[in-house]
PDB file of all heavy atoms in Angstrom:
ATOM      1  N   ILE A   1     -13.142 -55.064 -64.650  1.00  0.00           N
ATOM      2  CA  ILE A   1     -13.646 -55.669 -65.886  1.00  0.00           C
ATOM      3  C   ILE A   1     -14.685 -56.718 -65.509  1.00  0.00           C
ATOM      4  O   ILE A   1     -14.395 -57.671 -64.794  1.00  0.00           O
ATOM      5  CB  ILE A   1     -12.507 -56.320 -66.684  1.00  0.00           C
ATOM      6  CG1 ILE A   1     -11.448 -55.280 -67.049  1.00  0.00           C
ATOM      7  CG2 ILE A   1     -13.057 -56.985 -67.948  1.00  0.00           C
ATOM      8  CD1 ILE A   1     -10.204 -55.883 -67.654  1.00  0.00           C
ATOM      9  N   ARG A   2     -15.894 -56.542 -65.998  1.00  0.00           N
ATOM     10  CA  ARG A   2     -17.004 -57.447 -65.685  1.00  0.00           C
ATOM     11  C   ARG A   2     -17.083 -58.532 -66.765  1.00  0.00           C
ATOM     12  O   ARG A   2     -17.164 -58.227 -67.948  1.00  0.00           O
ATOM     13  CB  ARG A   2     -18.313 -56.663 -65.601  1.00  0.00           C
ATOM     14  CG  ARG A   2     -18.342 -55.668 -64.456  1.00  0.00           C
ATOM     15  CD  ARG A   2     -19.444 -54.620 -64.626  1.00  0.00           C
ATOM     16  NE  ARG A   2     -20.743 -55.202 -64.932  1.00  0.00           N
ATOM     17  CZ  ARG A   2     -21.573 -55.704 -64.030  1.00  0.00           C
ATOM     18  NH1 ARG A   2     -21.237 -55.673 -62.743  1.00  0.00           N
ATOM     19  NH2 ARG A   2     -22.746 -56.215 -64.389  1.00  0.00           N
ATOM     20  N   VAL A   3     -17.070 -59.790 -66.326  1.00  0.00           N
ATOM     21  CA  VAL A   3     -16.983 -60.916 -67.265  1.00  0.00           C
ATOM     22  C   VAL A   3     -18.178 -61.848 -67.106  1.00  0.00           C
ATOM     23  O   VAL A   3     -18.579 -62.176 -65.983  1.00  0.00           O
ATOM     24  CB  VAL A   3     -15.679 -61.716 -67.041  1.00  0.00           C
ATOM     25  CG1 VAL A   3     -15.619 -62.912 -67.987  1.00  0.00           C
ATOM     26  CG2 VAL A   3     -14.466 -60.816 -67.243  1.00  0.00           C
ATOM     27  N   LEU A   4     -18.716 -62.271 -68.236  1.00  0.00           N
ATOM     28  CA  LEU A   4     -19.745 -63.310 -68.273  1.00  0.00           C
ATOM     29  C   LEU A   4     -19.138 -64.531 -68.939  1.00  0.00           C
ATOM     30  O   LEU A   4     -18.515 -64.423 -69.997  1.00  0.00           O
ATOM     31  CB  LEU A   4     -20.966 -62.831 -69.061  1.00  0.00           C
ATOM     32  CG  LEU A   4     -22.057 -63.883 -69.339  1.00  0.00           C
ATOM     33  CD1 LEU A   4     -22.766 -64.262 -68.040  1.00  0.00           C
ATOM     34  CD2 LEU A   4     -23.054 -63.354 -70.369  1.00  0.00           C
ATOM     35  N   ILE A   5     -19.310 -65.704 -68.342  1.00  0.00           N
ATOM     36  CA  ILE A   5     -18.762 -66.947 -68.889  1.00  0.00           C
ATOM     37  C   ILE A   5     -19.899 -67.783 -69.462  1.00  0.00           C
ATOM     38  O   ILE A   5     -20.843 -68.119 -68.750  1.00  0.00           O
ATOM     39  CB  ILE A   5     -18.016 -67.742 -67.806  1.00  0.00           C
ATOM     40  CG1 ILE A   5     -16.854 -66.913 -67.259  1.00  0.00           C
ATOM     41  CG2 ILE A   5     -17.510 -69.069 -68.364  1.00  0.00           C
ATOM     42  CD1 ILE A   5     -16.179 -67.517 -66.051  1.00  0.00           C
ATOM     43  N   ALA A   6     -19.809 -68.109 -70.750  1.00  0.00           N
ATOM     44  CA  ALA A   6     -20.851 -68.897 -71.416  1.00  0.00           C
ATOM     45  C   ALA A   6     -20.264 -70.206 -71.914  1.00  0.00           C
ATOM     46  O   ALA A   6     -19.464 -70.225 -72.848  1.00  0.00           O
ATOM     47  CB  ALA A   6     -21.454 -68.108 -72.579  1.00  0.00           C
ATOM     48  N   ASP A   7     -20.660 -71.302 -71.277  1.00  0.00           N
ATOM     49  CA  ASP A   7     -20.178 -72.633 -71.650  1.00  0.00           C
ATOM     50  C   ASP A   7     -21.156 -73.654 -71.107  1.00  0.00           C
ATOM     51  O   ASP A   7     -21.652 -73.504 -69.989  1.00  0.00           O
ATOM     52  CB  ASP A   7     -18.775 -72.878 -71.073  1.00  0.00           C
ATOM     53  CG  ASP A   7     -18.069 -74.051 -71.755  1.00  0.00           C
ATOM     54  OD1 ASP A   7     -18.531 -75.197 -71.584  1.00  0.00           O
ATOM     55  OD2 ASP A   7     -17.064 -73.822 -72.443  1.00  0.00           O
ATOM     56  N   ASP A   8     -21.448 -74.695 -71.892  1.00  0.00           N
ATOM     57  CA  ASP A   8     -22.419 -75.678 -71.429  1.00  0.00           C
ATOM     58  C   ASP A   8     -21.830 -76.692 -70.462  1.00  0.00           C
ATOM     59  O   ASP A   8     -22.561 -77.517 -69.907  1.00  0.00           O
ATOM     60  CB  ASP A   8     -23.067 -76.400 -72.616  1.00  0.00           C
ATOM     61  CG  ASP A   8     -22.063 -77.141 -73.473  1.00  0.00           C
ATOM     62  OD1 ASP A   8     -20.892 -76.704 -73.538  1.00  0.00           O
ATOM     63  OD2 ASP A   8     -22.434 -78.166 -74.077  1.00  0.00           O
ATOM     64  N   GLN A   9     -20.513 -76.642 -70.234  1.00  0.00           N
ATOM     65  CA  GLN A   9     -19.874 -77.548 -69.283  1.00  0.00           C
ATOM     66  C   GLN A   9     -19.677 -76.849 -67.935  1.00  0.00           C
ATOM     67  O   GLN A   9     -19.001 -75.823 -67.850  1.00  0.00           O
ATOM     68  CB  GLN A   9     -18.531 -78.017 -69.822  1.00  0.00           C
ATOM     69  CG  GLN A   9     -18.632 -78.804 -71.116  1.00  0.00           C
ATOM     70  CD  GLN A   9     -17.285 -79.316 -71.585  1.00  0.00           C
ATOM     71  OE1 GLN A   9     -16.463 -79.754 -70.779  1.00  0.00           O
ATOM     72  NE2 GLN A   9     -17.048 -79.257 -72.886  1.00  0.00           N
ATOM     73  N   VAL A  10     -20.272 -77.438 -66.920  1.00  0.00           N
ATOM     74  CA  VAL A  10     -20.229 -76.838 -65.584  1.00  0.00           C
ATOM     75  C   VAL A  10     -18.795 -76.659 -65.097  1.00  0.00           C
ATOM     76  O   VAL A  10     -18.434 -75.609 -64.547  1.00  0.00           O
ATOM     77  CB  VAL A  10     -21.020 -77.700 -64.571  1.00  0.00           C
ATOM     78  CG1 VAL A  10     -20.897 -77.120 -63.166  1.00  0.00           C
ATOM     79  CG2 VAL A  10     -22.482 -77.804 -64.982  1.00  0.00           C
ATOM     80  N   MET A  11     -17.959 -77.666 -65.322  1.00  0.00           N
ATOM     81  CA  MET A  11     -16.589 -77.595 -64.813  1.00  0.00           C
ATOM     82  C   MET A  11     -15.793 -76.477 -65.482  1.00  0.00           C
ATOM     83  O   MET A  11     -14.961 -75.833 -64.840  1.00  0.00           O
ATOM     84  CB  MET A  11     -15.892 -78.941 -65.012  1.00  0.00           C
ATOM     85  CG  MET A  11     -16.439 -80.058 -64.140  1.00  0.00           C
ATOM     86  SD  MET A  11     -15.514 -81.606 -64.328  1.00  0.00           S
ATOM     87  CE  MET A  11     -13.915 -81.128 -63.675  1.00  0.00           C
ATOM     88  N   VAL A  12     -16.053 -76.250 -66.755  1.00  0.00           N
ATOM     89  CA  VAL A  12     -15.364 -75.160 -67.454  1.00  0.00           C
ATOM     90  C   VAL A  12     -15.788 -73.821 -66.876  1.00  0.00           C
ATOM     91  O   VAL A  12     -14.950 -72.955 -66.581  1.00  0.00           O
ATOM     92  CB  VAL A  12     -15.657 -75.210 -68.968  1.00  0.00           C
ATOM     93  CG1 VAL A  12     -15.102 -73.961 -69.660  1.00  0.00           C
ATOM     94  CG2 VAL A  12     -15.057 -76.464 -69.577  1.00  0.00           C
ATOM     95  N   ARG A  13     -17.091 -73.639 -66.708  1.00  0.00           N
ATOM     96  CA  ARG A  13     -17.594 -72.379 -66.150  1.00  0.00           C
ATOM     97  C   ARG A  13     -17.030 -72.129 -64.760  1.00  0.00           C
ATOM     98  O   ARG A  13     -16.539 -71.036 -64.445  1.00  0.00           O
ATOM     99  CB  ARG A  13     -19.122 -72.382 -66.088  1.00  0.00           C
ATOM    100  CG  ARG A  13     -19.814 -72.442 -67.435  1.00  0.00           C
ATOM    101  CD  ARG A  13     -21.279 -72.016 -67.316  1.00  0.00           C
ATOM    102  NE  ARG A  13     -22.010 -72.755 -66.307  1.00  0.00           N
ATOM    103  CZ  ARG A  13     -22.672 -73.888 -66.539  1.00  0.00           C
ATOM    104  NH1 ARG A  13     -22.670 -74.421 -67.750  1.00  0.00           N
ATOM    105  NH2 ARG A  13     -23.347 -74.489 -65.565  1.00  0.00           N
ATOM    106  N   GLN A  14     -17.085 -73.145 -63.924  1.00  0.00           N
ATOM    107  CA  GLN A  14     -16.616 -72.982 -62.555  1.00  0.00           C
ATOM    108  C   GLN A  14     -15.108 -72.773 -62.490  1.00  0.00           C
ATOM    109  O   GLN A  14     -14.616 -71.970 -61.702  1.00  0.00           O
ATOM    110  CB  GLN A  14     -17.032 -74.190 -61.715  1.00  0.00           C
ATOM    111  CG  GLN A  14     -18.540 -74.291 -61.515  1.00  0.00           C
ATOM    112  CD  GLN A  14     -18.941 -75.491 -60.669  1.00  0.00           C
ATOM    113  OE1 GLN A  14     -18.146 -76.416 -60.452  1.00  0.00           O
ATOM    114  NE2 GLN A  14     -20.170 -75.493 -60.200  1.00  0.00           N
ATOM    115  N   GLY A  15     -14.385 -73.498 -63.343  1.00  0.00           N
ATOM    116  CA  GLY A  15     -12.933 -73.357 -63.357  1.00  0.00           C
ATOM    117  C   GLY A  15     -12.511 -71.958 -63.755  1.00  0.00           C
ATOM    118  O   GLY A  15     -11.649 -71.340 -63.109  1.00  0.00           O
ATOM    119  N   PHE A  16     -13.107 -71.422 -64.818  1.00  0.00           N
ATOM    120  CA  PHE A  16     -12.769 -70.074 -65.255  1.00  0.00           C
ATOM    121  C   PHE A  16     -13.208 -69.034 -64.220  1.00  0.00           C
ATOM    122  O   PHE A  16     -12.539 -68.015 -64.029  1.00  0.00           O
ATOM    123  CB  PHE A  16     -13.429 -69.775 -66.600  1.00  0.00           C
ATOM    124  CG  PHE A  16     -12.708 -70.385 -67.764  1.00  0.00           C
ATOM    125  CD1 PHE A  16     -13.297 -70.420 -69.022  1.00  0.00           C
ATOM    126  CD2 PHE A  16     -11.443 -70.936 -67.626  1.00  0.00           C
ATOM    127  CE1 PHE A  16     -12.634 -70.977 -70.106  1.00  0.00           C
ATOM    128  CE2 PHE A  16     -10.770 -71.497 -68.709  1.00  0.00           C
ATOM    129  CZ  PHE A  16     -11.374 -71.518 -69.941  1.00  0.00           C
ATOM    130  N   THR A  17     -14.319 -69.312 -63.566  1.00  0.00           N
ATOM    131  CA  THR A  17     -14.788 -68.383 -62.528  1.00  0.00           C
ATOM    132  C   THR A  17     -13.788 -68.299 -61.388  1.00  0.00           C
ATOM    133  O   THR A  17     -13.467 -67.206 -60.895  1.00  0.00           O
ATOM    134  CB  THR A  17     -16.157 -68.830 -61.984  1.00  0.00           C
ATOM    135  OG1 THR A  17     -17.126 -68.792 -63.038  1.00  0.00           O
ATOM    136  CG2 THR A  17     -16.623 -67.916 -60.856  1.00  0.00           C
ATOM    137  N   VAL A  18     -13.267 -69.425 -60.968  1.00  0.00           N
ATOM    138  CA  VAL A  18     -12.273 -69.449 -59.888  1.00  0.00           C
ATOM    139  C   VAL A  18     -10.990 -68.743 -60.323  1.00  0.00           C
ATOM    140  O   VAL A  18     -10.437 -67.922 -59.582  1.00  0.00           O
ATOM    141  CB  VAL A  18     -11.966 -70.901 -59.465  1.00  0.00           C
ATOM    142  CG1 VAL A  18     -10.778 -70.939 -58.511  1.00  0.00           C
ATOM    143  CG2 VAL A  18     -13.189 -71.538 -58.806  1.00  0.00           C
ATOM    144  N   LEU A  19     -10.515 -69.050 -61.524  1.00  0.00           N
ATOM    145  CA  LEU A  19      -9.267 -68.454 -62.007  1.00  0.00           C
ATOM    146  C   LEU A  19      -9.381 -66.941 -62.140  1.00  0.00           C
ATOM    147  O   LEU A  19      -8.507 -66.191 -61.694  1.00  0.00           O
ATOM    148  CB  LEU A  19      -8.884 -69.069 -63.350  1.00  0.00           C
ATOM    149  CG  LEU A  19      -8.459 -70.537 -63.339  1.00  0.00           C
ATOM    150  CD1 LEU A  19      -8.214 -71.034 -64.751  1.00  0.00           C
ATOM    151  CD2 LEU A  19      -7.201 -70.723 -62.497  1.00  0.00           C
ATOM    152  N   LEU A  20     -10.472 -66.487 -62.739  1.00  0.00           N
ATOM    153  CA  LEU A  20     -10.639 -65.049 -62.938  1.00  0.00           C
ATOM    154  C   LEU A  20     -10.977 -64.329 -61.640  1.00  0.00           C
ATOM    155  O   LEU A  20     -10.602 -63.168 -61.449  1.00  0.00           O
ATOM    156  CB  LEU A  20     -11.723 -64.775 -63.981  1.00  0.00           C
ATOM    157  CG  LEU A  20     -11.358 -65.161 -65.418  1.00  0.00           C
ATOM    158  CD1 LEU A  20     -12.551 -64.948 -66.346  1.00  0.00           C
ATOM    159  CD2 LEU A  20     -10.168 -64.346 -65.900  1.00  0.00           C
ATOM    160  N   GLY A  21     -11.672 -65.030 -60.748  1.00  0.00           N
ATOM    161  CA  GLY A  21     -12.021 -64.424 -59.474  1.00  0.00           C
ATOM    162  C   GLY A  21     -10.816 -64.102 -58.611  1.00  0.00           C
ATOM    163  O   GLY A  21     -10.878 -63.244 -57.728  1.00  0.00           O
ATOM    164  N   ALA A  22      -9.701 -64.784 -58.882  1.00  0.00           N
ATOM    165  CA  ALA A  22      -8.479 -64.540 -58.123  1.00  0.00           C
ATOM    166  C   ALA A  22      -7.655 -63.400 -58.703  1.00  0.00           C
ATOM    167  O   ALA A  22      -6.633 -63.011 -58.132  1.00  0.00           O
ATOM    168  CB  ALA A  22      -7.626 -65.816 -58.079  1.00  0.00           C
ATOM    169  N   GLU A  23      -8.089 -62.859 -59.841  1.00  0.00           N
ATOM    170  CA  GLU A  23      -7.331 -61.803 -60.509  1.00  0.00           C
ATOM    171  C   GLU A  23      -7.817 -60.420 -60.081  1.00  0.00           C
ATOM    172  O   GLU A  23      -9.024 -60.160 -60.069  1.00  0.00           O
ATOM    173  CB  GLU A  23      -7.481 -61.937 -62.032  1.00  0.00           C
ATOM    174  CG  GLU A  23      -6.817 -63.163 -62.617  1.00  0.00           C
ATOM    175  CD  GLU A  23      -5.304 -63.067 -62.585  1.00  0.00           C
ATOM    176  OE1 GLU A  23      -4.789 -61.932 -62.592  1.00  0.00           O
ATOM    177  OE2 GLU A  23      -4.657 -64.135 -62.557  1.00  0.00           O
ATOM    178  N   PRO A  24      -6.901 -59.524 -59.744  1.00  0.00           N
ATOM    179  CA  PRO A  24      -7.318 -58.160 -59.386  1.00  0.00           C
ATOM    180  C   PRO A  24      -7.898 -57.431 -60.583  1.00  0.00           C
ATOM    181  O   PRO A  24      -7.428 -57.575 -61.709  1.00  0.00           O
ATOM    182  CB  PRO A  24      -5.996 -57.503 -58.944  1.00  0.00           C
ATOM    183  CG  PRO A  24      -4.924 -58.292 -59.621  1.00  0.00           C
ATOM    184  CD  PRO A  24      -5.437 -59.701 -59.685  1.00  0.00           C
ATOM    185  N   GLY A  25      -8.958 -56.698 -60.365  1.00  0.00           N
ATOM    186  CA  GLY A  25      -9.553 -55.900 -61.416  1.00  0.00           C
ATOM    187  C   GLY A  25     -10.461 -56.656 -62.355  1.00  0.00           C
ATOM    188  O   GLY A  25     -10.904 -56.109 -63.368  1.00  0.00           O
ATOM    189  N   ILE A  26     -10.750 -57.928 -62.050  1.00  0.00           N
ATOM    190  CA  ILE A  26     -11.654 -58.731 -62.873  1.00  0.00           C
ATOM    191  C   ILE A  26     -12.732 -59.337 -61.982  1.00  0.00           C
ATOM    192  O   ILE A  26     -12.431 -59.907 -60.934  1.00  0.00           O
ATOM    193  CB  ILE A  26     -10.911 -59.849 -63.617  1.00  0.00           C
ATOM    194  CG1 ILE A  26      -9.881 -59.256 -64.591  1.00  0.00           C
ATOM    195  CG2 ILE A  26     -11.892 -60.736 -64.384  1.00  0.00           C
ATOM    196  CD1 ILE A  26      -9.061 -60.309 -65.329  1.00  0.00           C
ATOM    197  N   GLU A  27     -13.976 -59.224 -62.398  1.00  0.00           N
ATOM    198  CA  GLU A  27     -15.101 -59.776 -61.636  1.00  0.00           C
ATOM    199  C   GLU A  27     -15.991 -60.602 -62.562  1.00  0.00           C
ATOM    200  O   GLU A  27     -16.412 -60.128 -63.613  1.00  0.00           O
ATOM    201  CB  GLU A  27     -15.928 -58.650 -61.011  1.00  0.00           C
ATOM    202  CG  GLU A  27     -17.162 -59.130 -60.277  1.00  0.00           C
ATOM    203  CD  GLU A  27     -18.066 -58.003 -59.815  1.00  0.00           C
ATOM    204  OE1 GLU A  27     -17.781 -56.834 -60.176  1.00  0.00           O
ATOM    205  OE2 GLU A  27     -19.064 -58.284 -59.129  1.00  0.00           O
ATOM    206  N   VAL A  28     -16.248 -61.842 -62.203  1.00  0.00           N
ATOM    207  CA  VAL A  28     -17.184 -62.680 -62.952  1.00  0.00           C
ATOM    208  C   VAL A  28     -18.589 -62.365 -62.454  1.00  0.00           C
ATOM    209  O   VAL A  28     -18.922 -62.614 -61.298  1.00  0.00           O
ATOM    210  CB  VAL A  28     -16.874 -64.179 -62.776  1.00  0.00           C
ATOM    211  CG1 VAL A  28     -17.919 -65.022 -63.514  1.00  0.00           C
ATOM    212  CG2 VAL A  28     -15.478 -64.503 -63.303  1.00  0.00           C
ATOM    213  N   VAL A  29     -19.416 -61.802 -63.332  1.00  0.00           N
ATOM    214  CA  VAL A  29     -20.745 -61.347 -62.913  1.00  0.00           C
ATOM    215  C   VAL A  29     -21.837 -62.340 -63.246  1.00  0.00           C
ATOM    216  O   VAL A  29     -22.980 -62.179 -62.805  1.00  0.00           O
ATOM    217  CB  VAL A  29     -21.070 -59.987 -63.547  1.00  0.00           C
ATOM    218  CG1 VAL A  29     -20.103 -58.922 -63.057  1.00  0.00           C
ATOM    219  CG2 VAL A  29     -21.050 -60.066 -65.071  1.00  0.00           C
ATOM    220  N   GLY A  30     -21.502 -63.388 -64.035  1.00  0.00           N
ATOM    221  CA  GLY A  30     -22.530 -64.360 -64.368  1.00  0.00           C
ATOM    222  C   GLY A  30     -21.982 -65.540 -65.135  1.00  0.00           C
ATOM    223  O   GLY A  30     -20.866 -65.501 -65.659  1.00  0.00           O
ATOM    224  N   GLN A  31     -22.785 -66.619 -65.164  1.00  0.00           N
ATOM    225  CA  GLN A  31     -22.455 -67.812 -65.924  1.00  0.00           C
ATOM    226  C   GLN A  31     -23.660 -68.191 -66.770  1.00  0.00           C
ATOM    227  O   GLN A  31     -24.782 -68.267 -66.266  1.00  0.00           O
ATOM    228  CB  GLN A  31     -22.098 -68.975 -65.001  1.00  0.00           C
ATOM    229  CG  GLN A  31     -20.865 -68.754 -64.136  1.00  0.00           C
ATOM    230  CD  GLN A  31     -20.537 -69.974 -63.279  1.00  0.00           C
ATOM    231  OE1 GLN A  31     -20.890 -71.103 -63.628  1.00  0.00           O
ATOM    232  NE2 GLN A  31     -19.866 -69.751 -62.170  1.00  0.00           N
ATOM    233  N   ALA A  32     -23.436 -68.421 -68.055  1.00  0.00           N
ATOM    234  CA  ALA A  32     -24.513 -68.792 -68.970  1.00  0.00           C
ATOM    235  C   ALA A  32     -24.320 -70.230 -69.430  1.00  0.00           C
ATOM    236  O   ALA A  32     -23.200 -70.649 -69.720  1.00  0.00           O
ATOM    237  CB  ALA A  32     -24.540 -67.852 -70.170  1.00  0.00           C
ATOM    238  N   VAL A  33     -25.416 -70.981 -69.521  1.00  0.00           N
ATOM    239  CA  VAL A  33     -25.335 -72.407 -69.845  1.00  0.00           C
ATOM    240  C   VAL A  33     -25.399 -72.670 -71.345  1.00  0.00           C
ATOM    241  O   VAL A  33     -25.126 -73.776 -71.798  1.00  0.00           O
ATOM    242  CB  VAL A  33     -26.459 -73.189 -69.135  1.00  0.00           C
ATOM    243  CG1 VAL A  33     -26.327 -73.046 -67.629  1.00  0.00           C
ATOM    244  CG2 VAL A  33     -27.835 -72.726 -69.601  1.00  0.00           C
ATOM    245  N   ASP A  34     -25.794 -71.659 -72.145  1.00  0.00           N
ATOM    246  CA  ASP A  34     -25.821 -71.789 -73.597  1.00  0.00           C
ATOM    247  C   ASP A  34     -25.863 -70.392 -74.207  1.00  0.00           C
ATOM    248  O   ASP A  34     -25.876 -69.381 -73.504  1.00  0.00           O
ATOM    249  CB  ASP A  34     -27.003 -72.642 -74.082  1.00  0.00           C
ATOM    250  CG  ASP A  34     -28.351 -72.125 -73.595  1.00  0.00           C
ATOM    251  OD1 ASP A  34     -28.538 -70.891 -73.547  1.00  0.00           O
ATOM    252  OD2 ASP A  34     -29.215 -72.947 -73.263  1.00  0.00           O
ATOM    253  N   GLY A  35     -25.910 -70.344 -75.541  1.00  0.00           N
ATOM    254  CA  GLY A  35     -25.866 -69.056 -76.206  1.00  0.00           C
ATOM    255  C   GLY A  35     -27.067 -68.180 -75.927  1.00  0.00           C
ATOM    256  O   GLY A  35     -26.937 -66.958 -75.770  1.00  0.00           O
ATOM    257  N   GLN A  36     -28.249 -68.777 -75.880  1.00  0.00           N
ATOM    258  CA  GLN A  36     -29.454 -67.998 -75.603  1.00  0.00           C
ATOM    259  C   GLN A  36     -29.386 -67.381 -74.218  1.00  0.00           C
ATOM    260  O   GLN A  36     -29.733 -66.208 -74.016  1.00  0.00           O
ATOM    261  CB  GLN A  36     -30.700 -68.885 -75.719  1.00  0.00           C
ATOM    262  CG  GLN A  36     -32.006 -68.154 -75.494  1.00  0.00           C
ATOM    263  CD  GLN A  36     -32.237 -67.049 -76.504  1.00  0.00           C
ATOM    264  OE1 GLN A  36     -31.954 -67.220 -77.682  1.00  0.00           O
ATOM    265  NE2 GLN A  36     -32.749 -65.918 -76.049  1.00  0.00           N
ATOM    266  N   ASP A  37     -28.916 -68.165 -73.269  1.00  0.00           N
ATOM    267  CA  ASP A  37     -28.742 -67.675 -71.901  1.00  0.00           C
ATOM    268  C   ASP A  37     -27.730 -66.531 -71.883  1.00  0.00           C
ATOM    269  O   ASP A  37     -27.908 -65.535 -71.176  1.00  0.00           O
ATOM    270  CB  ASP A  37     -28.274 -68.823 -71.004  1.00  0.00           C
ATOM    271  CG  ASP A  37     -28.332 -68.478 -69.516  1.00  0.00           C
ATOM    272  OD1 ASP A  37     -29.027 -67.511 -69.149  1.00  0.00           O
ATOM    273  OD2 ASP A  37     -27.683 -69.186 -68.729  1.00  0.00           O
TER     274      ASP A  37
END
């Protein structure tokens, strides 16, 4: 499952990336800093 994380807070993006990155079958493919991104 390919996941994109969109949040303007760096710590939230990084935290979710770490948590999901440790899960089998889930890959964080990108981080967006706002809705347009």
